[in-house]
């Protein structure tokens, strides 16, 4: 009898108070997800729901890393790097969440809280049409997980991409991969960002949460580049950025499905673009009841779903994790931790399957669980002009300044009817860059404006989560390259720097032997102390360089066996 009672009590602990069916794991739930919208719709056909980005497109994150040459390490260096992209050097917004609701929640704790970053930064004006970053790039990092979760926009595809930086740790070879999209959509039900609502008691804006983090790190004002204590303005800024992100998929659906196909659909999209630019150019004087806005609403109504377009809810209910007895100091909390191992954190969890660890945790009450299907926030109607406002904020302040210098609002609006924009208002995603380039060319102004980012031919192929990393034999000649070089030159989105790619040891060795510049980069004896010392690799300031210098100081020589793999000038 006692055994039965104990088993029943443990079952009660596992189910919590109101959680869903705890037998359903994230994998299972991902398989059961309903489509985001009608699979026969134009938007579903134009914007696929594949794990990898549609051919000919890449994520904003891939482009940023490729242009930088590599992803910095450690994470505080990522925060510093993103700050350099801001016109005024402002740092991206960060909060710390020790006990949240992400797939990393089993690895985070007060000693190792999850960093959530929103790229609330504005690139400086330049000839390239730099994209807006606010609401288009979010990162989540837990040191104990050795992983960064990435959500970033893919303008050419008209969708957000879910990515992971795996093995992000000292001594590791990081891999930037595209995540299993169906798994991500179990929580990110609009394929965009989500965040709790005010007062954000899971974050370090809550004094009691900040105090617990500071108690674990009494000497640290920052963790991984994020302040240990922040004002409410920080989570509010992230919340606002996720609201921006949430409207973009809706705007794309209205752009495609709300307007429809064929000539009438193209004309509808042209009118929608016109209204978006009217608002972007003069938001203070925009009249949503004007003749042109009313005409657009009338045109949209011909294709509008009877119920309207769903405006998904990206807001999670505020939750105070300290009110959950799982985190309290009493006997019940102790029993739960003994049964489930919650809040263990630390190195003993490294290497665990993240989804298995997540599913093994007791479920949250349904009202707090991001896996619970959320009803729409509302149903958009034609006269709401949601897409007008959402598409308007795709144009940056630099875009608007460029357009205003071309001859005034009337000239801009007249140019929108030019045939040069035909392909950009057809059955394709709304792409702000292509529209800007076409408009500027038609207006004959600012001819210096260029497309931002590297051409796709200069990016290496995207990698899907689950593709196995290269396994080296114990005596492989590639071992020192793995230690000192793979971090920047393998699985790098920049194809020029990805010269240690390959599925087998032989492939990688062939690529290395075909890259004779490696010899100079490793010729420390010749270049150390000269003006060419800057070309020595690994670069100064990297952990790889620190380890290499330490090895040399200890009498080890990893350089010679690496150089021996590179043919000399007259080798045949």
Protein backbone atom coordinates (compact mmCIF):
# COMPACT_ATOMS: atom_id res chain seq x y z
CA UNK A 1 0.00 0.00 0.00
CA UNK A 2 2.82 2.40 0.92
CA UNK A 3 4.50 1.69 -2.42
CA UNK A 4 1.31 2.52 -4.29
CA UNK A 5 0.86 5.77 -2.36
CA UNK A 6 4.48 6.77 -2.97
CA UNK A 7 4.18 6.05 -6.68
CA UNK A 8 0.97 8.06 -6.87
CA UNK A 9 2.59 10.95 -4.99
CA UNK A 10 5.58 11.00 -7.37
CA UNK A 11 3.16 10.95 -10.30
CA UNK A 12 1.40 13.97 -8.79
CA UNK A 13 4.71 15.78 -8.50
CA UNK A 14 5.46 15.03 -12.13
CA UNK A 15 2.19 16.31 -13.49
CA UNK A 16 2.25 19.52 -11.48
CA UNK A 17 -0.97 21.44 -11.11
CA UNK A 18 -2.66 21.78 -14.44
CA UNK A 19 0.03 20.70 -16.91
CA UNK A 20 -0.76 18.81 -20.06
CA UNK A 21 -0.18 15.18 -20.95
CA UNK A 22 3.38 14.64 -19.74
CA UNK A 23 3.69 11.51 -21.89
CA UNK A 24 3.78 13.69 -24.99
CA UNK A 25 7.35 14.77 -25.66
CA UNK A 26 8.50 17.66 -27.81
CA UNK A 27 9.33 15.29 -30.68
CA UNK A 28 5.79 13.89 -30.64
CA UNK A 29 4.24 17.31 -30.34
CA UNK A 30 6.28 18.57 -33.29
CA UNK A 31 4.85 15.76 -35.43
CA UNK A 32 1.28 16.70 -34.47
CA UNK A 33 1.54 20.44 -35.09
CA UNK A 34 -1.16 21.86 -37.32
CA UNK A 35 0.10 23.83 -40.32
CA UNK A 36 0.73 27.49 -39.61
CA UNK A 37 -1.86 28.29 -42.26
CA UNK A 38 -3.71 26.64 -45.13
CA UNK A 39 -1.10 24.47 -46.93
CA UNK A 40 -2.85 25.20 -50.24
CA UNK A 41 -2.59 28.98 -49.74
CA UNK A 42 -0.31 31.16 -51.84
CA UNK A 43 1.80 32.08 -48.80
CA UNK A 44 2.36 28.41 -47.90
CA UNK A 45 3.52 27.71 -51.45
CA UNK A 46 5.76 30.79 -51.66
CA UNK A 47 7.19 30.63 -48.11
CA UNK A 48 7.93 26.94 -47.37
CA UNK A 49 8.25 25.51 -43.88
CA UNK A 50 11.46 23.55 -44.50
CA UNK A 51 14.27 23.14 -41.96
CA UNK A 52 16.85 24.63 -44.31
CA UNK A 53 16.27 28.07 -45.82
CA UNK A 54 14.72 28.07 -49.29
CA UNK A 55 17.30 27.81 -52.06
CA UNK A 56 18.88 31.16 -52.89
CA UNK A 57 18.26 32.64 -49.43
CA UNK A 58 20.10 32.81 -46.10
CA UNK A 59 19.45 34.13 -42.63
CA UNK A 60 20.52 37.52 -41.33
CA UNK A 61 22.68 35.73 -38.76
CA UNK A 62 24.56 33.79 -41.45
CA UNK A 63 25.27 37.02 -43.32
CA UNK A 64 26.49 38.84 -40.21
CA UNK A 65 28.83 36.00 -39.23
CA UNK A 66 30.11 35.61 -42.79
CA UNK A 67 30.88 39.31 -43.07
CA UNK A 68 32.63 39.29 -39.70
CA UNK A 69 34.71 36.29 -40.76
CA UNK A 70 33.75 34.12 -37.77
CA UNK A 71 31.50 34.05 -34.73
CA UNK A 72 33.41 35.54 -31.78
CA UNK A 73 34.05 33.58 -28.59
CA UNK A 74 33.22 33.78 -25.71
CA UNK A 75 29.64 35.07 -25.66
CA UNK A 76 30.58 38.45 -24.18
CA UNK A 77 32.62 38.94 -27.36
CA UNK A 78 29.43 38.37 -29.37
CA UNK A 79 27.74 41.15 -27.38
CA UNK A 80 30.76 43.43 -27.97
CA UNK A 81 30.75 42.61 -31.69
CA UNK A 82 27.06 43.40 -32.12
CA UNK A 83 27.62 46.73 -30.34
CA UNK A 84 30.15 47.66 -33.04
CA UNK A 85 27.36 47.36 -35.62
CA UNK A 86 25.33 50.14 -34.00
CA UNK A 87 25.63 53.70 -35.28
CA UNK A 88 26.27 54.98 -31.74
CA UNK A 89 27.95 51.88 -30.36
CA UNK A 90 24.94 50.99 -28.23
CA UNK A 91 24.97 47.49 -26.84
CA UNK A 92 22.17 45.05 -27.66
CA UNK A 93 19.56 44.56 -24.95
CA UNK A 94 20.13 41.58 -22.65
CA UNK A 95 18.37 39.96 -19.71
CA UNK A 96 19.27 36.94 -17.58
CA UNK A 97 16.71 34.16 -17.00
CA UNK A 98 17.86 31.46 -14.56
CA UNK A 99 14.66 29.37 -14.66
CA UNK A 100 12.78 30.01 -17.87
CA UNK A 101 10.74 28.02 -20.34
CA UNK A 102 13.07 27.43 -23.29
CA UNK A 103 14.51 24.10 -24.41
CA UNK A 104 17.63 25.13 -22.47
CA UNK A 105 15.76 25.36 -19.16
CA UNK A 106 17.18 22.07 -17.90
CA UNK A 107 20.69 23.48 -18.17
CA UNK A 108 20.21 26.96 -16.69
CA UNK A 109 20.28 28.00 -13.03
CA UNK A 110 21.00 30.98 -10.81
CA UNK A 111 24.68 30.12 -11.10
CA UNK A 112 24.42 29.82 -14.89
CA UNK A 113 21.40 31.83 -16.10
CA UNK A 114 20.32 31.94 -19.71
CA UNK A 115 21.25 35.14 -21.55
CA UNK A 116 18.49 36.41 -23.84
CA UNK A 117 19.67 39.04 -26.32
CA UNK A 118 17.69 41.28 -28.65
CA UNK A 119 19.66 43.15 -31.31
CA UNK A 120 18.16 46.57 -30.62
CA UNK A 121 20.82 48.25 -32.73
CA UNK A 122 20.76 50.57 -35.73
CA UNK A 123 23.48 50.19 -38.39
CA UNK A 124 25.14 53.44 -39.48
CA UNK A 125 24.19 54.98 -42.84
CA UNK A 126 26.24 53.76 -45.76
CA UNK A 127 26.07 52.93 -49.43
CA UNK A 128 24.83 49.39 -48.70
CA UNK A 129 21.14 48.97 -47.80
CA UNK A 130 21.83 47.62 -44.31
CA UNK A 131 18.76 45.81 -42.96
CA UNK A 132 16.86 46.76 -39.83
CA UNK A 133 18.06 44.59 -36.95
CA UNK A 134 15.54 45.41 -34.24
CA UNK A 135 12.99 42.63 -34.05
CA UNK A 136 14.99 40.54 -36.52
CA UNK A 137 17.77 38.98 -34.46
CA UNK A 138 17.46 37.25 -31.07
CA UNK A 139 19.96 35.01 -29.26
CA UNK A 140 19.62 32.72 -26.24
CA UNK A 141 22.76 31.35 -24.58
CA UNK A 142 23.40 29.01 -21.66
CA UNK A 143 27.03 28.26 -20.92
CA UNK A 144 26.27 24.81 -19.48
CA UNK A 145 24.53 23.86 -22.74
CA UNK A 146 27.50 24.89 -24.94
CA UNK A 147 24.89 26.26 -27.32
CA UNK A 148 23.43 29.50 -28.67
CA UNK A 149 19.84 29.47 -29.91
CA UNK A 150 19.37 31.91 -32.80
CA UNK A 151 16.22 33.40 -34.30
CA UNK A 152 16.92 35.69 -37.24
CA UNK A 153 15.04 37.01 -40.22
CA UNK A 154 15.56 35.84 -43.79
CA UNK A 155 14.31 38.70 -45.96
CA UNK A 156 14.60 36.91 -49.29
CA UNK A 157 12.51 34.01 -47.99
CA UNK A 158 10.05 36.18 -46.04
CA UNK A 159 10.42 34.13 -42.86
CA UNK A 160 12.41 33.74 -39.64
CA UNK A 161 15.07 31.05 -39.42
CA UNK A 162 15.76 28.91 -36.35
CA UNK A 163 19.43 28.12 -35.88
CA UNK A 164 21.79 26.70 -33.28
CA UNK A 165 25.44 27.32 -32.62
CA UNK A 166 26.41 23.92 -31.24
CA UNK A 167 29.61 23.07 -29.36
CA UNK A 168 30.11 26.72 -28.50
CA UNK A 169 32.81 26.32 -25.84
CA UNK A 170 36.52 26.67 -25.32
CA UNK A 171 38.41 23.82 -26.95
CA UNK A 172 35.41 22.96 -29.15
CA UNK A 173 34.68 23.30 -32.85
CA UNK A 174 31.45 25.34 -33.08
CA UNK A 175 28.87 24.41 -35.73
CA UNK A 176 26.21 26.79 -37.01
CA UNK A 177 23.26 24.61 -38.02
CA UNK A 178 19.61 25.10 -38.93
CA UNK A 179 17.40 23.62 -36.22
CA UNK A 180 14.53 21.17 -36.67
CA UNK A 181 11.86 23.72 -37.45
CA UNK A 182 8.93 21.61 -36.30
CA UNK A 183 10.46 21.32 -32.82
CA UNK A 184 10.92 25.10 -32.61
CA UNK A 185 7.33 25.73 -33.71
CA UNK A 186 5.95 23.81 -30.74
CA UNK A 187 6.57 27.01 -28.74
CA UNK A 188 7.17 29.61 -31.46
CA UNK A 189 3.70 29.04 -32.86
CA UNK A 190 3.86 31.96 -35.29
CA UNK A 191 7.37 31.04 -36.48
CA UNK A 192 8.60 34.22 -34.80
CA UNK A 193 9.81 35.45 -31.40
CA UNK A 194 7.97 34.96 -28.10
CA UNK A 195 8.48 36.55 -24.66
CA UNK A 196 6.62 36.92 -21.36
CA UNK A 197 4.55 39.97 -20.49
CA UNK A 198 5.07 42.56 -17.76
CA UNK A 199 6.39 42.48 -15.04
CA UNK A 200 8.80 39.82 -16.38
CA UNK A 201 9.39 38.10 -13.05
CA UNK A 202 11.51 35.35 -14.64
CA UNK A 203 14.18 37.90 -15.58
CA UNK A 204 16.84 39.72 -13.60
CA UNK A 205 14.68 42.86 -13.79
CA UNK A 206 12.90 41.29 -10.81
CA UNK A 207 14.98 42.26 -7.74
CA UNK A 208 14.67 38.85 -6.08
CA UNK A 209 15.95 37.08 -9.23
CA UNK A 210 18.82 39.55 -9.59
CA UNK A 211 19.73 39.06 -5.91
CA UNK A 212 19.97 35.28 -6.36
CA UNK A 213 22.18 35.69 -9.43
CA UNK A 214 24.41 38.21 -7.65
CA UNK A 215 24.65 35.89 -4.65
CA UNK A 216 26.02 33.19 -6.97
CA UNK A 217 28.47 35.70 -8.50
CA UNK A 218 29.22 38.29 -5.79
CA UNK A 219 32.20 39.78 -7.62
CA UNK A 220 30.61 40.01 -11.08
CA UNK A 221 28.70 43.00 -12.46
CA UNK A 222 28.20 41.15 -15.76
CA UNK A 223 27.77 37.56 -16.86
CA UNK A 224 28.61 36.65 -20.45
CA UNK A 225 28.35 40.32 -21.40
CA UNK A 226 24.95 40.83 -19.71
CA UNK A 227 24.48 42.95 -16.55
CA UNK A 228 23.56 40.86 -13.51
CA UNK A 229 20.82 43.37 -12.68
CA UNK A 230 18.73 45.43 -15.12
CA UNK A 231 15.81 47.85 -15.01
CA UNK A 232 12.37 46.95 -16.34
CA UNK A 233 13.25 48.86 -19.50
CA UNK A 234 15.43 45.93 -20.63
CA UNK A 235 12.76 43.18 -20.75
CA UNK A 236 10.28 45.79 -22.03
CA UNK A 237 12.58 46.50 -24.99
CA UNK A 238 12.82 42.77 -25.76
CA UNK A 239 9.05 42.41 -25.42
CA UNK A 240 8.56 45.29 -27.88
CA UNK A 241 11.03 43.74 -30.32
CA UNK A 242 9.16 40.42 -30.22
CA UNK A 243 5.93 42.31 -30.98
CA UNK A 244 7.59 43.73 -34.10
CA UNK A 245 8.74 40.24 -35.07
CA UNK A 246 5.29 38.75 -34.54
CA UNK A 247 3.69 41.08 -37.10
CA UNK A 248 6.08 40.20 -39.92
CA UNK A 249 4.67 36.72 -40.72
CA UNK A 250 1.15 38.20 -40.60
CA UNK A 251 2.18 40.97 -43.00
CA UNK A 252 3.64 38.40 -45.40
CA UNK A 253 0.39 36.40 -45.33
CA UNK A 254 -1.67 39.50 -46.04
CA UNK A 255 0.79 40.56 -48.79
CA UNK A 256 0.33 37.18 -50.50
CA UNK A 257 -3.00 35.65 -49.43
CA UNK A 258 -4.84 38.90 -48.71
CA UNK A 259 -4.05 40.19 -52.18
CA UNK A 260 -4.20 36.92 -54.08
CA UNK A 261 -2.72 35.81 -57.38
CA UNK A 262 -2.68 37.17 -60.92
CA UNK A 263 -3.02 40.74 -62.13
CA UNK A 264 -5.49 41.86 -59.44
CA UNK A 265 -3.21 40.43 -56.76
CA UNK A 266 -0.21 42.30 -58.15
CA UNK A 267 -2.18 45.56 -58.25
CA UNK A 268 -3.31 44.98 -54.67
CA UNK A 269 0.29 44.50 -53.55
CA UNK A 270 1.29 47.68 -55.38
CA UNK A 271 -1.41 49.60 -53.50
CA UNK A 272 -0.39 47.98 -50.21
CA UNK A 273 3.22 49.03 -50.80
CA UNK A 274 2.06 52.54 -51.65
CA UNK A 275 0.15 52.85 -48.38
CA UNK A 276 3.08 51.44 -46.41
CA UNK A 277 5.39 54.07 -47.89
CA UNK A 278 2.83 56.83 -47.33
CA UNK A 279 2.89 55.91 -43.66
CA UNK A 280 6.68 55.44 -43.47
CA UNK A 281 7.37 58.80 -45.12
CA UNK A 282 4.92 60.78 -42.96
CA UNK A 283 3.55 58.73 -40.05
CA UNK A 284 2.27 61.79 -38.19
CA UNK A 285 -0.02 62.88 -41.01
CA UNK A 286 -1.09 59.44 -42.27
CA UNK A 287 -4.88 59.11 -42.49
CA UNK A 288 -6.15 55.50 -42.27
CA UNK A 289 -9.57 56.75 -43.43
CA UNK A 290 -8.17 58.41 -46.57
CA UNK A 291 -9.55 57.59 -50.00
CA UNK A 292 -6.49 55.49 -50.91
CA UNK A 293 -6.51 53.56 -47.61
CA UNK A 294 -10.24 52.89 -47.96
CA UNK A 295 -9.73 51.70 -51.55
CA UNK A 296 -7.02 49.30 -50.37
CA UNK A 297 -9.27 47.91 -47.63
CA UNK A 298 -12.03 47.37 -50.20
CA UNK A 299 -9.66 45.55 -52.54
CA UNK A 300 -8.29 43.36 -49.70
CA UNK A 301 -11.82 42.42 -48.68
CA UNK A 302 -12.32 40.49 -51.93
CA UNK A 303 -9.80 37.81 -50.84
CA UNK A 304 -10.09 38.17 -47.07
CA UNK A 305 -10.96 35.01 -45.08
CA UNK A 306 -14.45 35.14 -43.61
CA UNK A 307 -13.15 35.15 -40.04
CA UNK A 308 -10.12 37.28 -40.77
CA UNK A 309 -6.39 36.64 -40.58
CA UNK A 310 -5.19 35.21 -37.29
CA UNK A 311 -2.95 37.55 -35.31
CA UNK A 312 -1.03 34.99 -33.25
CA UNK A 313 -0.28 35.61 -29.59
CA UNK A 314 3.46 35.90 -29.01
CA UNK A 315 3.02 36.83 -25.33
CA UNK A 316 3.59 34.24 -22.62
CA UNK A 317 1.92 34.74 -19.25
CA UNK A 318 4.15 36.30 -16.64
CA UNK A 319 5.51 33.66 -14.28
CA UNK A 320 7.41 33.93 -11.02
CA UNK A 321 9.55 30.78 -10.81
CA UNK A 322 10.08 31.30 -7.08
CA UNK A 323 6.37 30.75 -6.47
CA UNK A 324 6.73 27.27 -7.91
CA UNK A 325 7.57 24.98 -5.00
CA UNK A 326 10.10 23.28 -7.28
CA UNK A 327 12.49 26.14 -6.45
CA UNK A 328 11.60 26.71 -2.80
CA UNK A 329 13.76 25.53 0.04
CA UNK A 330 11.23 23.28 1.76
CA UNK A 331 10.99 19.51 1.97
CA UNK A 332 8.73 19.30 -1.10
CA UNK A 333 11.28 21.14 -3.20
CA UNK A 334 14.01 18.88 -1.91
CA UNK A 335 12.01 15.79 -2.81
CA UNK A 336 11.31 17.13 -6.30
CA UNK A 337 14.97 17.91 -6.88
CA UNK A 338 15.90 14.45 -5.62
CA UNK A 339 13.41 12.83 -8.00
CA UNK A 340 13.96 15.01 -11.07
CA UNK A 341 17.42 16.51 -10.60
CA UNK A 342 16.04 19.98 -11.42
CA UNK A 343 18.42 22.89 -10.96
CA UNK A 344 21.43 20.62 -10.89
CA UNK A 345 23.17 22.54 -13.68
CA UNK A 346 26.90 22.18 -14.18
CA UNK A 347 29.14 19.98 -16.28
CA UNK A 348 27.36 16.72 -15.41
CA UNK A 349 24.61 17.70 -17.84
CA UNK A 350 26.85 18.46 -20.79
CA UNK A 351 26.36 15.98 -23.58
CA UNK A 352 22.80 15.07 -22.58
CA UNK A 353 20.21 15.18 -25.33
CA UNK A 354 18.55 18.57 -24.88
CA UNK A 355 15.06 17.39 -25.82
CA UNK A 356 15.24 14.31 -23.61
CA UNK A 357 16.40 16.50 -20.70
CA UNK A 358 13.55 18.92 -21.41
CA UNK A 359 10.92 16.17 -21.56
CA UNK A 360 12.24 14.62 -18.32
CA UNK A 361 11.45 17.80 -16.36
CA UNK A 362 8.07 18.14 -14.63
CA UNK A 363 5.70 20.02 -16.92
CA UNK A 364 4.67 23.57 -16.20
CA UNK A 365 1.04 24.41 -15.46
CA UNK A 366 -0.72 24.77 -18.80
CA UNK A 367 -1.29 28.52 -18.41
CA UNK A 368 2.49 29.07 -18.22
CA UNK A 369 3.65 26.41 -20.67
CA UNK A 370 4.71 27.73 -24.10
CA UNK A 371 3.83 24.31 -25.54
CA UNK A 372 0.16 24.99 -24.84
CA UNK A 373 -1.63 26.09 -27.99
CA UNK A 374 -2.36 29.80 -27.64
CA UNK A 375 -5.57 31.24 -29.13
CA UNK A 376 -5.19 34.20 -31.50
CA UNK A 377 -4.63 37.60 -29.93
CA UNK A 378 -7.30 38.84 -32.38
CA UNK A 379 -8.51 38.41 -35.95
CA UNK A 380 -7.22 41.04 -38.39
CA UNK A 381 -9.73 42.69 -40.72
CA UNK A 382 -9.04 44.66 -43.94
CA UNK A 383 -9.62 48.07 -42.37
CA UNK A 384 -7.12 47.32 -39.59
CA UNK A 385 -4.32 47.92 -42.14
CA UNK A 386 -2.00 45.67 -40.12
CA UNK A 387 0.19 44.94 -43.13
CA UNK A 388 0.53 48.65 -43.93
CA UNK A 389 2.07 49.38 -40.54
CA UNK A 390 4.16 46.20 -40.43
CA UNK A 391 5.63 46.71 -43.91
CA UNK A 392 6.30 50.40 -43.20
CA UNK A 393 8.62 49.54 -40.31
CA UNK A 394 10.69 47.35 -42.67
CA UNK A 395 12.12 50.55 -44.15
CA UNK A 396 15.01 51.93 -42.09
CA UNK A 397 15.53 55.61 -41.22
CA UNK A 398 18.34 55.61 -43.80
CA UNK A 399 15.92 54.24 -46.42
CA UNK A 400 13.43 57.01 -45.69
CA UNK A 401 16.13 59.67 -45.80
CA UNK A 402 17.31 58.35 -49.16
CA UNK A 403 13.81 58.40 -50.57
CA UNK A 404 13.04 61.87 -49.26
CA UNK A 405 16.12 63.20 -51.08
CA UNK A 406 14.83 61.91 -54.42
CA UNK A 407 12.25 64.63 -55.08
CA UNK A 408 9.45 64.37 -52.56
CA UNK A 409 6.58 62.11 -51.66
CA UNK A 410 4.66 62.63 -54.92
CA UNK A 411 7.63 61.54 -57.02
CA UNK A 412 8.10 58.45 -54.86
CA UNK A 413 4.45 57.46 -55.04
CA UNK A 414 4.42 57.99 -58.80
CA UNK A 415 7.48 55.75 -59.17
CA UNK A 416 5.62 52.92 -57.46
CA UNK A 417 3.48 52.55 -60.58
CA UNK A 418 6.49 51.99 -62.83
CA UNK A 419 6.79 48.62 -64.57
CA UNK A 420 10.26 48.16 -63.05
CA UNK A 421 8.53 47.14 -59.82
CA UNK A 422 6.38 44.47 -61.47
CA UNK A 423 8.49 41.50 -60.39
CA UNK A 424 8.68 42.79 -56.81
CA UNK A 425 4.89 43.05 -56.37
CA UNK A 426 4.20 39.66 -57.92
CA UNK A 427 3.59 36.41 -56.03
CA UNK A 428 6.83 36.67 -54.06
CA UNK A 429 7.56 37.58 -50.43
CA UNK A 430 7.76 41.26 -49.55
CA UNK A 431 11.47 42.07 -49.92
CA UNK A 432 12.37 45.54 -48.77
CA UNK A 433 15.89 45.49 -50.33
CA UNK A 434 14.70 44.66 -53.84
CA UNK A 435 11.94 47.27 -53.65
CA UNK A 436 14.38 49.94 -52.44
CA UNK A 437 16.88 49.22 -55.20
CA UNK A 438 14.16 49.31 -57.86
CA UNK A 439 12.71 52.56 -56.50
CA UNK A 440 16.07 54.31 -56.24
CA UNK A 441 16.97 53.23 -59.78
CA UNK A 442 13.62 54.46 -61.10
CA UNK A 443 13.98 57.79 -59.31
CA UNK A 444 17.49 58.22 -60.68
CA UNK A 445 18.90 59.12 -57.27
CA UNK A 446 21.51 57.77 -54.88
CA UNK A 447 23.12 55.58 -57.51
CA UNK A 448 25.68 54.54 -54.89
CA UNK A 449 23.10 52.42 -53.07
CA UNK A 450 24.07 48.75 -53.17
CA UNK A 451 22.68 45.47 -51.93
CA UNK A 452 23.82 44.63 -48.37
CA UNK A 453 25.56 41.37 -47.58
CA UNK A 454 27.76 38.88 -49.38
CA UNK A 455 26.54 37.28 -52.61
CA UNK A 456 25.18 33.81 -51.89
CA UNK A 457 27.97 32.33 -54.01
CA UNK A 458 30.37 33.51 -51.29
CA UNK A 459 28.51 31.64 -48.53
CA UNK A 460 29.10 27.98 -47.76
CA UNK A 461 26.13 25.58 -47.94
CA UNK A 462 23.79 25.64 -44.93
CA UNK A 463 23.94 22.72 -42.50
CA UNK A 464 20.90 20.97 -41.02
CA UNK A 465 20.82 19.98 -37.34
CA UNK A 466 21.60 16.30 -37.03
CA UNK A 467 24.23 16.14 -39.77
CA UNK A 468 27.11 14.37 -38.00
CA UNK A 469 30.31 16.31 -37.34
CA UNK A 470 33.62 15.03 -38.65
CA UNK A 471 35.05 12.22 -36.51
CA UNK A 472 38.86 12.08 -36.52
CA UNK A 473 40.99 9.02 -35.85
CA UNK A 474 43.24 9.29 -32.80
CA UNK A 475 46.37 9.50 -34.99
CA UNK A 476 44.85 11.76 -37.64
CA UNK A 477 47.16 14.45 -39.03
CA UNK A 478 44.15 16.75 -38.76
CA UNK A 479 44.16 16.70 -34.93
CA UNK A 480 46.16 19.94 -34.50
CA UNK A 481 44.04 21.62 -37.18
CA UNK A 482 40.94 20.56 -35.25
CA UNK A 483 42.32 22.17 -32.08
CA UNK A 484 43.64 25.43 -33.52
CA UNK A 485 41.90 26.04 -36.87
CA UNK A 486 38.52 24.32 -37.23
CA UNK A 487 36.79 26.90 -35.03
CA UNK A 488 37.08 29.52 -37.79
CA UNK A 489 37.71 27.51 -40.94
CA UNK A 490 35.21 24.68 -40.74
CA UNK A 491 31.41 25.11 -40.95
CA UNK A 492 31.96 28.84 -41.43
CA UNK A 493 29.13 30.55 -43.39
CA UNK A 494 31.82 32.48 -45.28
CA UNK A 495 32.88 30.16 -48.14
CA UNK A 496 36.25 31.90 -48.55
CA UNK A 497 37.16 31.06 -44.96
CA UNK A 498 35.54 27.60 -44.97
CA UNK A 499 38.56 25.91 -46.52
CA UNK A 500 38.67 23.09 -43.96
CA UNK A 501 35.22 21.81 -44.90
CA UNK A 502 34.62 18.24 -45.98
CA UNK A 503 32.71 15.13 -44.95
CA UNK A 504 35.76 12.88 -44.53
CA UNK A 505 39.33 13.24 -43.28
CA UNK A 506 40.59 12.80 -46.85
CA UNK A 507 38.34 15.60 -48.13
CA UNK A 508 39.48 18.00 -45.43
CA UNK A 509 43.15 17.12 -45.94
CA UNK A 510 42.77 17.69 -49.69
CA UNK A 511 41.28 21.15 -49.03
CA UNK A 512 44.09 22.01 -46.62
CA UNK A 513 46.77 20.86 -49.04
CA UNK A 514 45.18 22.99 -51.75
CA UNK A 515 45.37 26.13 -49.56
CA UNK A 516 49.03 27.14 -49.65
CA UNK A 517 48.38 30.39 -47.73
CA UNK A 518 48.13 28.23 -44.59
CA UNK A 519 51.92 27.81 -44.68
CA UNK A 520 52.54 31.54 -44.19
CA UNK A 521 49.83 31.80 -41.55
CA UNK A 522 51.67 29.16 -39.50
CA UNK A 523 55.24 30.42 -40.08
CA UNK A 524 55.74 31.87 -36.62
CA UNK A 525 59.54 31.67 -36.81
CA UNK A 526 59.68 33.93 -39.85
CA UNK A 527 57.00 36.50 -39.05
CA UNK A 528 56.86 36.82 -35.26
CA UNK A 529 58.02 40.31 -34.30
CA UNK A 530 57.75 41.67 -37.85
CA UNK A 531 55.10 43.89 -39.42
CA UNK A 532 53.60 40.74 -40.93
CA UNK A 533 52.95 39.19 -37.52
CA UNK A 534 49.27 40.08 -37.91
CA UNK A 535 48.84 37.41 -40.58
CA UNK A 536 49.84 34.62 -38.18
CA UNK A 537 46.97 32.35 -37.23
CA UNK A 538 45.17 31.69 -34.93
CA UNK A 539 44.48 35.40 -34.47
CA UNK A 540 45.65 37.38 -31.47
CA UNK A 541 43.09 37.42 -28.66
CA UNK A 542 41.51 34.06 -29.52
CA UNK A 543 41.54 31.15 -27.09
CA UNK A 544 43.15 29.06 -29.84
CA UNK A 545 46.12 31.47 -29.98
CA UNK A 546 46.41 31.41 -26.20
CA UNK A 547 46.50 27.60 -26.20
CA UNK A 548 49.00 27.50 -29.05
CA UNK A 549 51.35 29.93 -27.32
CA UNK A 550 51.07 27.88 -24.12
CA UNK A 551 51.91 24.70 -26.01
CA UNK A 552 54.98 26.34 -27.56
CA UNK A 553 56.05 27.65 -24.13
CA UNK A 554 55.74 24.09 -22.74
CA UNK A 555 58.04 22.73 -25.45
CA UNK A 556 55.29 21.23 -27.61
CA UNK A 557 55.31 22.03 -31.32
CA UNK A 558 51.98 21.70 -33.09
CA UNK A 559 53.12 24.04 -35.90
CA UNK A 560 55.60 21.71 -37.62
CA UNK A 561 53.20 18.79 -38.17
CA UNK A 562 50.60 21.23 -39.48
CA UNK A 563 53.06 22.85 -41.90
CA UNK A 564 54.17 19.42 -43.09
CA UNK A 565 50.68 18.87 -44.51
CA UNK A 566 51.01 21.93 -46.77
CA UNK A 567 53.06 21.40 -49.95
CA UNK A 568 56.15 23.56 -50.22
CA UNK A 569 56.58 25.80 -53.25
CA UNK A 570 58.50 23.19 -55.25
CA UNK A 571 56.86 20.00 -54.00
CA UNK A 572 55.68 17.75 -56.80
